[in-house]
Amino acid sequence: MFGKKKQVLTFDPAEKIPMLHASICTGETAAGFKDRKTGHFEEVMLIRSDADLKEFMRRYDLKEVPKKEY
């Protein structure tokens, strides 16, 4: 009856790039943001399925699938 409100989180596109970070060895994929200045990747969530990817995109109001980096 009283469900959780779906929250849209924000990030500064001038400072951070949304990105998927994949491991070459295990194939594990993490979604997060890469700092434009330092190149540091900040992991936000683990991506195990298409549903997880869609949830990441919904949370941060992304229109396009982020590019993948290995």
Protein backbone atom coordinates (compact mmCIF):
# COMPACT_ATOMS: atom_id res chain seq x y z
CA MET A 1 0.00 0.00 0.00
CA PHE A 2 2.72 2.47 0.98
CA GLY A 3 5.59 1.50 -1.33
CA LYS A 4 9.00 3.07 -1.40
CA LYS A 5 9.41 6.17 -3.50
CA LYS A 6 11.72 5.62 -6.46
CA GLN A 7 14.58 8.04 -5.92
CA VAL A 8 16.57 9.59 -8.78
CA LEU A 9 20.14 10.33 -7.71
CA THR A 10 22.32 12.95 -9.33
CA PHE A 11 25.94 13.33 -10.37
CA ASP A 12 27.87 16.17 -11.98
CA PRO A 13 28.47 15.32 -15.66
CA ALA A 14 31.12 18.05 -15.83
CA GLU A 15 33.20 16.12 -13.26
CA LYS A 16 32.22 12.46 -13.67
CA ILE A 17 31.48 10.07 -16.55
CA PRO A 18 29.00 7.19 -16.07
CA MET A 19 30.77 3.97 -16.98
CA LEU A 20 30.71 0.18 -16.76
CA HIS A 21 33.93 -1.38 -15.49
CA ALA A 22 34.43 -5.04 -16.47
CA SER A 23 37.05 -7.52 -15.31
CA ILE A 24 38.90 -9.33 -18.10
CA CYS A 25 39.51 -12.39 -15.90
CA THR A 26 36.16 -12.97 -14.21
CA GLY A 27 33.80 -11.01 -16.44
CA GLU A 28 32.36 -9.26 -13.38
CA THR A 29 30.85 -5.89 -14.28
CA ALA A 30 30.43 -2.89 -11.99
CA ALA A 31 28.60 0.34 -12.73
CA GLY A 32 29.88 3.64 -11.45
CA PHE A 33 31.51 6.92 -12.31
CA LYS A 34 34.98 7.83 -13.56
CA ASP A 35 36.46 11.14 -12.45
CA ARG A 36 37.39 13.22 -15.51
CA LYS A 37 40.45 14.77 -13.83
CA THR A 38 42.04 11.87 -11.96
CA GLY A 39 40.64 8.87 -13.86
CA HIS A 40 39.61 7.26 -10.54
CA PHE A 41 36.63 4.87 -10.89
CA GLU A 42 34.02 4.99 -8.11
CA GLU A 43 31.91 1.81 -8.04
CA VAL A 44 28.21 2.31 -7.29
CA MET A 45 26.69 -1.12 -7.90
CA LEU A 46 27.42 -4.58 -9.24
CA ILE A 47 25.77 -5.48 -12.56
CA ARG A 48 24.67 -9.12 -12.72
CA SER A 49 21.83 -8.85 -15.22
CA ASP A 50 20.08 -6.53 -17.64
CA ALA A 51 17.67 -5.63 -14.83
CA ASP A 52 20.59 -4.34 -12.73
CA LEU A 53 21.81 -2.22 -15.64
CA LYS A 54 18.33 -0.79 -16.18
CA GLU A 55 18.09 0.02 -12.45
CA PHE A 56 21.45 1.86 -12.56
CA MET A 57 20.29 3.85 -15.58
CA ARG A 58 16.95 4.66 -13.91
CA ARG A 59 18.57 5.76 -10.63
CA TYR A 60 20.85 8.24 -12.35
CA ASP A 61 18.43 9.19 -15.16
CA LEU A 62 20.76 8.01 -17.94
CA LYS A 63 19.36 7.87 -21.48
CA GLU A 64 22.18 5.84 -23.07
CA VAL A 65 23.98 2.71 -21.90
CA PRO A 66 27.35 3.78 -20.44
CA LYS A 67 30.45 2.64 -22.29
CA LYS A 68 32.36 -0.34 -20.95
CA GLU A 69 35.99 -0.18 -19.87
CA TYR A 70 38.20 -3.18 -19.13
